[in-house]
Amino acid sequence: MRSKPTVTELLLKAVGASEPSGDPAHKSIGDLPLEKIIEIVIEKKPDLLAKTLKGAVKTVLGSAKSIGITINGKDPKIVSRELDQGLYDDILSRYEDAWIKA
């Protein structure tokens, strides 16, 4: 039986890439909407150490950055800062129930 896919594998599959960028600072392998990141977070909740949905999203954003994926056309580091500023609270609130039940 195959083990569950890793966060990296799920991110690569989501952008249709077979491998990470190798040079994520200069070469993007794809772009995802924040909602897709949240879906991956909910799927991987049992394996994540984060206590909150926002914390878990920030963890997966770090993975996305390290393999060369942008979020809504932005560097994941910027999206992470915007999360801290509350810019995506409305989106996060739509997924809060799924996070709690996961």
PDB file of N, CA and C in Angstrom:
ATOM      1  N   MET A   1       0.842  -1.193   0.000  1.00  0.00           N
ATOM      2  CA  MET A   1       0.000   0.000   0.000  1.00  0.00           C
ATOM      3  C   MET A   1       0.885   1.255   0.000  1.00  0.00           C
ATOM      4  N   ARG A   2       0.565   2.155  -0.884  1.00  0.00           N
ATOM      5  CA  ARG A   2       1.332   3.387  -0.995  1.00  0.00           C
ATOM      6  C   ARG A   2       0.973   4.319   0.150  1.00  0.00           C
ATOM      7  N   SER A   3       1.991   4.967   0.705  1.00  0.00           N
ATOM      8  CA  SER A   3       1.722   5.924   1.771  1.00  0.00           C
ATOM      9  C   SER A   3       1.069   7.174   1.178  1.00  0.00           C
ATOM     10  N   LYS A   4       0.485   7.972   2.065  1.00  0.00           N
ATOM     11  CA  LYS A   4      -0.166   9.193   1.614  1.00  0.00           C
ATOM     12  C   LYS A   4       0.867  10.123   0.972  1.00  0.00           C
ATOM     13  N   PRO A   5       0.437  10.877  -0.042  1.00  0.00           N
ATOM     14  CA  PRO A   5       1.389  11.800  -0.678  1.00  0.00           C
ATOM     15  C   PRO A   5       1.838  12.902   0.284  1.00  0.00           C
ATOM     16  N   THR A   6       3.055  13.367   0.073  1.00  0.00           N
ATOM     17  CA  THR A   6       3.584  14.457   0.894  1.00  0.00           C
ATOM     18  C   THR A   6       2.987  15.781   0.435  1.00  0.00           C
ATOM     19  N   VAL A   7       3.178  16.812   1.231  1.00  0.00           N
ATOM     20  CA  VAL A   7       2.734  18.155   0.844  1.00  0.00           C
ATOM     21  C   VAL A   7       3.376  18.526  -0.489  1.00  0.00           C
ATOM     22  N   THR A   8       4.669  18.263  -0.624  1.00  0.00           N
ATOM     23  CA  THR A   8       5.370  18.600  -1.869  1.00  0.00           C
ATOM     24  C   THR A   8       4.754  17.872  -3.061  1.00  0.00           C
ATOM     25  N   GLU A   9       4.460  16.596  -2.890  1.00  0.00           N
ATOM     26  CA  GLU A   9       3.838  15.839  -3.989  1.00  0.00           C
ATOM     27  C   GLU A   9       2.475  16.409  -4.357  1.00  0.00           C
ATOM     28  N   LEU A  10       1.692  16.790  -3.360  1.00  0.00           N
ATOM     29  CA  LEU A  10       0.379  17.375  -3.634  1.00  0.00           C
ATOM     30  C   LEU A  10       0.508  18.719  -4.348  1.00  0.00           C
ATOM     31  N   LEU A  11       1.481  19.525  -3.938  1.00  0.00           N
ATOM     32  CA  LEU A  11       1.708  20.821  -4.593  1.00  0.00           C
ATOM     33  C   LEU A  11       2.144  20.620  -6.050  1.00  0.00           C
ATOM     34  N   LEU A  12       3.074  19.708  -6.265  1.00  0.00           N
ATOM     35  CA  LEU A  12       3.540  19.441  -7.634  1.00  0.00           C
ATOM     36  C   LEU A  12       2.388  18.966  -8.509  1.00  0.00           C
ATOM     37  N   LYS A  13       1.582  18.063  -7.985  1.00  0.00           N
ATOM     38  CA  LYS A  13       0.436  17.551  -8.739  1.00  0.00           C
ATOM     39  C   LYS A  13      -0.536  18.681  -9.069  1.00  0.00           C
ATOM     40  N   ALA A  14      -0.757  19.578  -8.109  1.00  0.00           N
ATOM     41  CA  ALA A  14      -1.706  20.677  -8.295  1.00  0.00           C
ATOM     42  C   ALA A  14      -1.294  21.612  -9.429  1.00  0.00           C
ATOM     43  N   VAL A  15       0.005  21.786  -9.631  1.00  0.00           N
ATOM     44  CA  VAL A  15       0.466  22.660 -10.725  1.00  0.00           C
ATOM     45  C   VAL A  15       0.829  21.866 -11.974  1.00  0.00           C
ATOM     46  N   GLY A  16       0.712  20.538 -11.890  1.00  0.00           N
ATOM     47  CA  GLY A  16       1.028  19.704 -13.052  1.00  0.00           C
ATOM     48  C   GLY A  16       2.506  19.607 -13.344  1.00  0.00           C
ATOM     49  N   ALA A  17       3.334  19.691 -12.302  1.00  0.00           N
ATOM     50  CA  ALA A  17       4.785  19.606 -12.478  1.00  0.00           C
ATOM     51  C   ALA A  17       5.276  18.261 -11.961  1.00  0.00           C
ATOM     52  N   SER A  18       6.372  17.788 -12.532  1.00  0.00           N
ATOM     53  CA  SER A  18       6.897  16.498 -12.095  1.00  0.00           C
ATOM     54  C   SER A  18       7.991  16.647 -11.047  1.00  0.00           C
ATOM     55  N   GLU A  19       8.588  17.835 -10.969  1.00  0.00           N
ATOM     56  CA  GLU A  19       9.651  18.044  -9.988  1.00  0.00           C
ATOM     57  C   GLU A  19       9.741  19.509  -9.595  1.00  0.00           C
ATOM     58  N   PRO A  20      10.370  19.790  -8.434  1.00  0.00           N
ATOM     59  CA  PRO A  20      10.535  21.183  -7.988  1.00  0.00           C
ATOM     60  C   PRO A  20      11.375  21.995  -8.969  1.00  0.00           C
ATOM     61  N   SER A  21      11.321  23.281  -8.804  1.00  0.00           N
ATOM     62  CA  SER A  21      12.016  24.207  -9.695  1.00  0.00           C
ATOM     63  C   SER A  21      13.524  23.992  -9.739  1.00  0.00           C
ATOM     64  N   GLY A  22      14.142  23.740  -8.593  1.00  0.00           N
ATOM     65  CA  GLY A  22      15.598  23.673  -8.554  1.00  0.00           C
ATOM     66  C   GLY A  22      16.205  25.054  -8.338  1.00  0.00           C
ATOM     67  N   ASP A  23      15.487  26.085  -8.749  1.00  0.00           N
ATOM     68  CA  ASP A  23      15.924  27.474  -8.547  1.00  0.00           C
ATOM     69  C   ASP A  23      14.681  28.318  -8.260  1.00  0.00           C
ATOM     70  N   PRO A  24      14.023  28.059  -7.117  1.00  0.00           N
ATOM     71  CA  PRO A  24      12.734  28.715  -6.862  1.00  0.00           C
ATOM     72  C   PRO A  24      12.799  30.234  -6.781  1.00  0.00           C
ATOM     73  N   ALA A  25      13.964  30.783  -6.488  1.00  0.00           N
ATOM     74  CA  ALA A  25      14.075  32.240  -6.408  1.00  0.00           C
ATOM     75  C   ALA A  25      13.937  32.886  -7.788  1.00  0.00           C
ATOM     76  N   HIS A  26      14.274  32.142  -8.836  1.00  0.00           N
ATOM     77  CA  HIS A  26      14.276  32.718 -10.174  1.00  0.00           C
ATOM     78  C   HIS A  26      13.359  32.014 -11.166  1.00  0.00           C
ATOM     79  N   LYS A  27      12.925  30.807 -10.833  1.00  0.00           N
ATOM     80  CA  LYS A  27      12.141  30.035 -11.793  1.00  0.00           C
ATOM     81  C   LYS A  27      10.913  29.432 -11.112  1.00  0.00           C
ATOM     82  N   SER A  28       9.743  29.876 -11.554  1.00  0.00           N
ATOM     83  CA  SER A  28       8.490  29.355 -11.021  1.00  0.00           C
ATOM     84  C   SER A  28       8.058  28.146 -11.846  1.00  0.00           C
ATOM     85  N   ILE A  29       7.465  27.165 -11.164  1.00  0.00           N
ATOM     86  CA  ILE A  29       6.947  26.003 -11.892  1.00  0.00           C
ATOM     87  C   ILE A  29       5.431  26.051 -12.003  1.00  0.00           C
ATOM     88  N   GLY A  30       4.805  27.054 -11.404  1.00  0.00           N
ATOM     89  CA  GLY A  30       3.361  27.170 -11.497  1.00  0.00           C
ATOM     90  C   GLY A  30       2.788  28.117 -10.467  1.00  0.00           C
ATOM     91  N   ASP A  31       1.492  28.356 -10.617  1.00  0.00           N
ATOM     92  CA  ASP A  31       0.780  29.279  -9.734  1.00  0.00           C
ATOM     93  C   ASP A  31      -0.496  28.594  -9.255  1.00  0.00           C
ATOM     94  N   LEU A  32      -0.808  28.771  -7.983  1.00  0.00           N
ATOM     95  CA  LEU A  32      -2.022  28.192  -7.417  1.00  0.00           C
ATOM     96  C   LEU A  32      -2.840  29.266  -6.709  1.00  0.00           C
ATOM     97  N   PRO A  33      -4.161  29.090  -6.700  1.00  0.00           N
ATOM     98  CA  PRO A  33      -4.982  29.984  -5.876  1.00  0.00           C
ATOM     99  C   PRO A  33      -4.827  29.592  -4.404  1.00  0.00           C
ATOM    100  N   LEU A  34      -5.019  30.549  -3.528  1.00  0.00           N
ATOM    101  CA  LEU A  34      -4.904  30.283  -2.094  1.00  0.00           C
ATOM    102  C   LEU A  34      -5.850  29.163  -1.667  1.00  0.00           C
ATOM    103  N   GLU A  35      -7.026  29.098  -2.290  1.00  0.00           N
ATOM    104  CA  GLU A  35      -7.991  28.054  -1.941  1.00  0.00           C
ATOM    105  C   GLU A  35      -7.413  26.658  -2.137  1.00  0.00           C
ATOM    106  N   LYS A  36      -6.598  26.468  -3.163  1.00  0.00           N
ATOM    107  CA  LYS A  36      -5.991  25.155  -3.403  1.00  0.00           C
ATOM    108  C   LYS A  36      -5.005  24.817  -2.280  1.00  0.00           C
ATOM    109  N   ILE A  37      -4.271  25.822  -1.814  1.00  0.00           N
ATOM    110  CA  ILE A  37      -3.356  25.620  -0.687  1.00  0.00           C
ATOM    111  C   ILE A  37      -4.158  25.174   0.545  1.00  0.00           C
ATOM    112  N   ILE A  38      -5.289  25.824   0.781  1.00  0.00           N
ATOM    113  CA  ILE A  38      -6.120  25.485   1.940  1.00  0.00           C
ATOM    114  C   ILE A  38      -6.648  24.055   1.808  1.00  0.00           C
ATOM    115  N   GLU A  39      -7.048  23.646   0.605  1.00  0.00           N
ATOM    116  CA  GLU A  39      -7.531  22.276   0.399  1.00  0.00           C
ATOM    117  C   GLU A  39      -6.426  21.259   0.725  1.00  0.00           C
ATOM    118  N   ILE A  40      -5.205  21.555   0.300  1.00  0.00           N
ATOM    119  CA  ILE A  40      -4.081  20.663   0.607  1.00  0.00           C
ATOM    120  C   ILE A  40      -3.847  20.612   2.119  1.00  0.00           C
ATOM    121  N   VAL A  41      -3.937  21.767   2.762  1.00  0.00           N
ATOM    122  CA  VAL A  41      -3.759  21.849   4.216  1.00  0.00           C
ATOM    123  C   VAL A  41      -4.779  20.965   4.934  1.00  0.00           C
ATOM    124  N   ILE A  42      -6.030  21.045   4.509  1.00  0.00           N
ATOM    125  CA  ILE A  42      -7.078  20.253   5.161  1.00  0.00           C
ATOM    126  C   ILE A  42      -6.824  18.760   4.930  1.00  0.00           C
ATOM    127  N   GLU A  43      -6.416  18.403   3.724  1.00  0.00           N
ATOM    128  CA  GLU A  43      -6.109  17.003   3.431  1.00  0.00           C
ATOM    129  C   GLU A  43      -4.952  16.489   4.289  1.00  0.00           C
ATOM    130  N   LYS A  44      -3.966  17.347   4.535  1.00  0.00           N
ATOM    131  CA  LYS A  44      -2.764  16.941   5.270  1.00  0.00           C
ATOM    132  C   LYS A  44      -2.831  17.245   6.770  1.00  0.00           C
ATOM    133  N   LYS A  45      -3.947  17.733   7.276  1.00  0.00           N
ATOM    134  CA  LYS A  45      -4.040  18.144   8.680  1.00  0.00           C
ATOM    135  C   LYS A  45      -3.467  17.111   9.660  1.00  0.00           C
ATOM    136  N   PRO A  46      -3.783  15.817   9.508  1.00  0.00           N
ATOM    137  CA  PRO A  46      -3.254  14.859  10.496  1.00  0.00           C
ATOM    138  C   PRO A  46      -1.719  14.830  10.555  1.00  0.00           C
ATOM    139  N   ASP A  47      -1.068  15.242   9.474  1.00  0.00           N
ATOM    140  CA  ASP A  47       0.392  15.188   9.413  1.00  0.00           C
ATOM    141  C   ASP A  47       1.061  16.515   9.766  1.00  0.00           C
ATOM    142  N   LEU A  48       0.271  17.563   9.935  1.00  0.00           N
ATOM    143  CA  LEU A  48       0.833  18.887  10.199  1.00  0.00           C
ATOM    144  C   LEU A  48       0.841  19.165  11.703  1.00  0.00           C
ATOM    145  N   LEU A  49       1.828  19.909  12.139  1.00  0.00           N
ATOM    146  CA  LEU A  49       1.948  20.234  13.563  1.00  0.00           C
ATOM    147  C   LEU A  49       1.218  21.515  13.939  1.00  0.00           C
ATOM    148  N   ALA A  50       0.780  22.274  12.945  1.00  0.00           N
ATOM    149  CA  ALA A  50       0.133  23.557  13.221  1.00  0.00           C
ATOM    150  C   ALA A  50      -1.167  23.368  13.988  1.00  0.00           C
ATOM    151  N   LYS A  51      -1.435  24.283  14.890  1.00  0.00           N
ATOM    152  CA  LYS A  51      -2.645  24.220  15.714  1.00  0.00           C
ATOM    153  C   LYS A  51      -3.826  24.950  15.062  1.00  0.00           C
ATOM    154  N   THR A  52      -3.534  25.888  14.161  1.00  0.00           N
ATOM    155  CA  THR A  52      -4.591  26.682  13.529  1.00  0.00           C
ATOM    156  C   THR A  52      -4.539  26.528  12.020  1.00  0.00           C
ATOM    157  N   LEU A  53      -5.665  26.805  11.387  1.00  0.00           N
ATOM    158  CA  LEU A  53      -5.724  26.761   9.926  1.00  0.00           C
ATOM    159  C   LEU A  53      -4.720  27.755   9.335  1.00  0.00           C
ATOM    160  N   LYS A  54      -4.679  28.953   9.883  1.00  0.00           N
ATOM    161  CA  LYS A  54      -3.753  29.971   9.369  1.00  0.00           C
ATOM    162  C   LYS A  54      -2.301  29.505   9.497  1.00  0.00           C
ATOM    163  N   GLY A  55      -1.962  28.932  10.633  1.00  0.00           N
ATOM    164  CA  GLY A  55      -0.607  28.431  10.838  1.00  0.00           C
ATOM    165  C   GLY A  55      -0.253  27.330   9.845  1.00  0.00           C
ATOM    166  N   ALA A  56      -1.211  26.439   9.608  1.00  0.00           N
ATOM    167  CA  ALA A  56      -0.979  25.346   8.664  1.00  0.00           C
ATOM    168  C   ALA A  56      -0.818  25.869   7.245  1.00  0.00           C
ATOM    169  N   VAL A  57      -1.617  26.858   6.875  1.00  0.00           N
ATOM    170  CA  VAL A  57      -1.499  27.457   5.538  1.00  0.00           C
ATOM    171  C   VAL A  57      -0.111  28.075   5.369  1.00  0.00           C
ATOM    172  N   LYS A  58       0.364  28.760   6.408  1.00  0.00           N
ATOM    173  CA  LYS A  58       1.688  29.373   6.329  1.00  0.00           C
ATOM    174  C   LYS A  58       2.778  28.311   6.165  1.00  0.00           C
ATOM    175  N   THR A  59       2.607  27.163   6.818  1.00  0.00           N
ATOM    176  CA  THR A  59       3.562  26.063   6.674  1.00  0.00           C
ATOM    177  C   THR A  59       3.613  25.585   5.220  1.00  0.00           C
ATOM    178  N   VAL A  60       2.442  25.381   4.630  1.00  0.00           N
ATOM    179  CA  VAL A  60       2.386  24.884   3.250  1.00  0.00           C
ATOM    180  C   VAL A  60       2.851  25.961   2.263  1.00  0.00           C
ATOM    181  N   LEU A  61       2.615  27.234   2.589  1.00  0.00           N
ATOM    182  CA  LEU A  61       3.146  28.310   1.740  1.00  0.00           C
ATOM    183  C   LEU A  61       4.671  28.241   1.696  1.00  0.00           C
ATOM    184  N   GLY A  62       5.284  27.911   2.834  1.00  0.00           N
ATOM    185  CA  GLY A  62       6.744  27.762   2.866  1.00  0.00           C
ATOM    186  C   GLY A  62       7.202  26.653   1.940  1.00  0.00           C
ATOM    187  N   SER A  63       6.472  25.550   1.925  1.00  0.00           N
ATOM    188  CA  SER A  63       6.799  24.448   1.009  1.00  0.00           C
ATOM    189  C   SER A  63       6.640  24.888  -0.437  1.00  0.00           C
ATOM    190  N   ALA A  64       5.560  25.615  -0.711  1.00  0.00           N
ATOM    191  CA  ALA A  64       5.322  26.096  -2.080  1.00  0.00           C
ATOM    192  C   ALA A  64       6.473  26.996  -2.536  1.00  0.00           C
ATOM    193  N   LYS A  65       6.893  27.890  -1.652  1.00  0.00           N
ATOM    194  CA  LYS A  65       8.002  28.788  -2.002  1.00  0.00           C
ATOM    195  C   LYS A  65       9.268  27.999  -2.307  1.00  0.00           C
ATOM    196  N   SER A  66       9.540  26.986  -1.485  1.00  0.00           N
ATOM    197  CA  SER A  66      10.795  26.252  -1.641  1.00  0.00           C
ATOM    198  C   SER A  66      10.870  25.428  -2.928  1.00  0.00           C
ATOM    199  N   ILE A  67       9.720  25.146  -3.536  1.00  0.00           N
ATOM    200  CA  ILE A  67       9.764  24.379  -4.794  1.00  0.00           C
ATOM    201  C   ILE A  67       9.406  25.215  -6.020  1.00  0.00           C
ATOM    202  N   GLY A  68       9.140  26.511  -5.815  1.00  0.00           N
ATOM    203  CA  GLY A  68       8.951  27.398  -6.960  1.00  0.00           C
ATOM    204  C   GLY A  68       7.512  27.605  -7.397  1.00  0.00           C
ATOM    205  N   ILE A  69       6.576  27.579  -6.449  1.00  0.00           N
ATOM    206  CA  ILE A  69       5.168  27.814  -6.778  1.00  0.00           C
ATOM    207  C   ILE A  69       4.752  29.173  -6.221  1.00  0.00           C
ATOM    208  N   THR A  70       4.079  29.961  -7.063  1.00  0.00           N
ATOM    209  CA  THR A  70       3.537  31.242  -6.616  1.00  0.00           C
ATOM    210  C   THR A  70       2.063  31.045  -6.256  1.00  0.00           C
ATOM    211  N   ILE A  71       1.528  31.980  -5.481  1.00  0.00           N
ATOM    212  CA  ILE A  71       0.138  31.918  -5.032  1.00  0.00           C
ATOM    213  C   ILE A  71      -0.574  33.172  -5.517  1.00  0.00           C
ATOM    214  N   ASN A  72      -1.614  32.979  -6.316  1.00  0.00           N
ATOM    215  CA  ASN A  72      -2.337  34.118  -6.896  1.00  0.00           C
ATOM    216  C   ASN A  72      -1.362  35.087  -7.566  1.00  0.00           C
ATOM    217  N   GLY A  73      -0.310  34.530  -8.182  1.00  0.00           N
ATOM    218  CA  GLY A  73       0.677  35.358  -8.880  1.00  0.00           C
ATOM    219  C   GLY A  73       1.688  36.040  -7.977  1.00  0.00           C
ATOM    220  N   LYS A  74       1.667  35.722  -6.690  1.00  0.00           N
ATOM    221  CA  LYS A  74       2.562  36.386  -5.735  1.00  0.00           C
ATOM    222  C   LYS A  74       3.536  35.393  -5.107  1.00  0.00           C
ATOM    223  N   ASP A  75       4.653  35.906  -4.628  1.00  0.00           N
ATOM    224  CA  ASP A  75       5.599  35.125  -3.841  1.00  0.00           C
ATOM    225  C   ASP A  75       4.870  34.641  -2.583  1.00  0.00           C
ATOM    226  N   PRO A  76       4.979  33.357  -2.254  1.00  0.00           N
ATOM    227  CA  PRO A  76       4.303  32.853  -1.052  1.00  0.00           C
ATOM    228  C   PRO A  76       4.683  33.592   0.240  1.00  0.00           C
ATOM    229  N   LYS A  77       5.886  34.151   0.280  1.00  0.00           N
ATOM    230  CA  LYS A  77       6.307  34.913   1.459  1.00  0.00           C
ATOM    231  C   LYS A  77       5.429  36.156   1.637  1.00  0.00           C
ATOM    232  N   ILE A  78       5.074  36.795   0.524  1.00  0.00           N
ATOM    233  CA  ILE A  78       4.189  37.973   0.567  1.00  0.00           C
ATOM    234  C   ILE A  78       2.792  37.547   1.014  1.00  0.00           C
ATOM    235  N   VAL A  79       2.304  36.430   0.466  1.00  0.00           N
ATOM    236  CA  VAL A  79       0.981  35.927   0.848  1.00  0.00           C
ATOM    237  C   VAL A  79       0.959  35.599   2.338  1.00  0.00           C
ATOM    238  N   SER A  80       2.037  35.055   2.855  1.00  0.00           N
ATOM    239  CA  SER A  80       2.130  34.736   4.279  1.00  0.00           C
ATOM    240  C   SER A  80       2.028  36.006   5.123  1.00  0.00           C
ATOM    241  N   ARG A  81       2.707  37.068   4.696  1.00  0.00           N
ATOM    242  CA  ARG A  81       2.619  38.355   5.417  1.00  0.00           C
ATOM    243  C   ARG A  81       1.192  38.904   5.344  1.00  0.00           C
ATOM    244  N   GLU A  82       0.574  38.769   4.161  1.00  0.00           N
ATOM    245  CA  GLU A  82      -0.803  39.254   4.003  1.00  0.00           C
ATOM    246  C   GLU A  82      -1.769  38.457   4.886  1.00  0.00           C
ATOM    247  N   LEU A  83      -1.490  37.165   5.067  1.00  0.00           N
ATOM    248  CA  LEU A  83      -2.294  36.356   5.994  1.00  0.00           C
ATOM    249  C   LEU A  83      -2.209  36.940   7.402  1.00  0.00           C
ATOM    250  N   ASP A  84      -0.996  37.284   7.823  1.00  0.00           N
ATOM    251  CA  ASP A  84      -0.800  37.871   9.148  1.00  0.00           C
ATOM    252  C   ASP A  84      -1.553  39.189   9.300  1.00  0.00           C
ATOM    253  N   GLN A  85      -1.696  39.908   8.188  1.00  0.00           N
ATOM    254  CA  GLN A  85      -2.390  41.197   8.221  1.00  0.00           C
ATOM    255  C   GLN A  85      -3.906  41.042   8.160  1.00  0.00           C
ATOM    256  N   GLY A  86      -4.378  39.796   7.984  1.00  0.00           N
ATOM    257  CA  GLY A  86      -5.816  39.558   7.967  1.00  0.00           C
ATOM    258  C   GLY A  86      -6.471  39.689   6.607  1.00  0.00           C
ATOM    259  N   LEU A  87      -5.668  39.831   5.537  1.00  0.00           N
ATOM    260  CA  LEU A  87      -6.236  40.040   4.208  1.00  0.00           C
ATOM    261  C   LEU A  87      -7.058  38.862   3.691  1.00  0.00           C
ATOM    262  N   TYR A  88      -6.809  37.674   4.217  1.00  0.00           N
ATOM    263  CA  TYR A  88      -7.497  36.481   3.713  1.00  0.00           C
ATOM    264  C   TYR A  88      -8.413  35.851   4.764  1.00  0.00           C
ATOM    265  N   ASP A  89      -8.725  36.580   5.818  1.00  0.00           N
ATOM    266  CA  ASP A  89      -9.558  36.031   6.883  1.00  0.00           C
ATOM    267  C   ASP A  89     -10.914  35.546   6.368  1.00  0.00           C
ATOM    268  N   ASP A  90     -11.479  36.252   5.367  1.00  0.00           N
ATOM    269  CA  ASP A  90     -12.775  35.838   4.827  1.00  0.00           C
ATOM    270  C   ASP A  90     -12.670  34.470   4.139  1.00  0.00           C
ATOM    271  N   ILE A  91     -11.586  34.251   3.404  1.00  0.00           N
ATOM    272  CA  ILE A  91     -11.385  32.960   2.737  1.00  0.00           C
ATOM    273  C   ILE A  91     -11.154  31.872   3.790  1.00  0.00           C
ATOM    274  N   LEU A  92     -10.293  32.143   4.758  1.00  0.00           N
ATOM    275  CA  LEU A  92     -10.013  31.158   5.807  1.00  0.00           C
ATOM    276  C   LEU A  92     -11.279  30.777   6.562  1.00  0.00           C
ATOM    277  N   SER A  93     -12.136  31.738   6.835  1.00  0.00           N
ATOM    278  CA  SER A  93     -13.346  31.451   7.614  1.00  0.00           C
ATOM    279  C   SER A  93     -14.271  30.483   6.876  1.00  0.00           C
ATOM    280  N   ARG A  94     -14.236  30.503   5.540  1.00  0.00           N
ATOM    281  CA  ARG A  94     -15.068  29.569   4.762  1.00  0.00           C
ATOM    282  C   ARG A  94     -14.598  28.126   4.921  1.00  0.00           C
ATOM    283  N   TYR A  95     -13.342  27.938   5.292  1.00  0.00           N
ATOM    284  CA  TYR A  95     -12.786  26.586   5.408  1.00  0.00           C
ATOM    285  C   TYR A  95     -12.607  26.131   6.865  1.00  0.00           C
ATOM    286  N   GLU A  96     -12.951  26.995   7.798  1.00  0.00           N
ATOM    287  CA  GLU A  96     -12.707  26.695   9.214  1.00  0.00           C
ATOM    288  C   GLU A  96     -13.398  25.412   9.660  1.00  0.00           C
ATOM    289  N   ASP A  97     -14.661  25.201   9.247  1.00  0.00           N
ATOM    290  CA  ASP A  97     -15.378  23.988   9.639  1.00  0.00           C
ATOM    291  C   ASP A  97     -14.692  22.738   9.116  1.00  0.00           C
ATOM    292  N   ALA A  98     -14.267  22.770   7.857  1.00  0.00           N
ATOM    293  CA  ALA A  98     -13.579  21.610   7.264  1.00  0.00           C
ATOM    294  C   ALA A  98     -12.277  21.338   8.009  1.00  0.00           C
ATOM    295  N   TRP A  99     -11.574  22.402   8.411  1.00  0.00           N
ATOM    296  CA  TRP A  99     -10.326  22.253   9.164  1.00  0.00           C
ATOM    297  C   TRP A  99     -10.580  21.569  10.510  1.00  0.00           C
ATOM    298  N   ILE A 100     -11.634  22.016  11.197  1.00  0.00           N
ATOM    299  CA  ILE A 100     -11.956  21.477  12.510  1.00  0.00           C
ATOM    300  C   ILE A 100     -12.326  19.992  12.403  1.00  0.00           C
ATOM    301  N   LYS A 101     -13.055  19.643  11.353  1.00  0.00           N
ATOM    302  CA  LYS A 101     -13.513  18.258  11.179  1.00  0.00           C
ATOM    303  C   LYS A 101     -12.431  17.335  10.623  1.00  0.00           C
ATOM    304  N   ALA A 102     -11.391  17.903  10.027  1.00  0.00           N
ATOM    305  CA  ALA A 102     -10.362  17.071   9.372  1.00  0.00           C
ATOM    306  C   ALA A 102      -9.561  16.261  10.381  1.00  0.00           C
TER     307      ALA A 102
END
